[in-house]
């Protein structure tokens, strides 16, 4: 609700009275979300370190790679918040994508939509890469190449794309409230 709440409540008009570009407002809001998530991830990892006491380099690298999917979730959420202007709907769509992303991906693969492997959908939750047998089976059955490396690259590309789209919509959006 970092954008939609302010538009709904009318507090966003305060920004419009200041000599700040909408691009900078959008960037600062997205950066705030990213910094918050990095702080939260760091806190969670420290708690994990205290509880487990046997952290190796592999565990840390895996944690960072798996957490990179938050970047696309952040940029998608702020894009949806800009377009929809309703926090509940934005959160509902985001949670639905996170919950049903893999199921939707498999259904689309079943109907021979192989291009889905180049979208962000299969890579919203990197836990699929924990089950090597499932991953190998999906790659073989659907004749695709889902991999963690591809997922990180695709998520970065789509995050940037969502940022560009969201920023353009935000700059042109008429704020009525």
Foldseek 3Di string as FASTA:
>chain_A
DLQLVCLVVVVVVVVVVDPDALLVVLVVSLVVVVVVLVVVLVVVVVVVCVVVVDDDPVNVVVSVLQSLLVLLLSLQLLLCCLVVSDNVVSVVVSVCLLVCLCVVVVVCLVVVPQCCLLALSNLSGPCCVVPVVSQVVCCVVSVHDRDSVSNSVSSVVNSVVSSVNSSVSSNPDDRDD
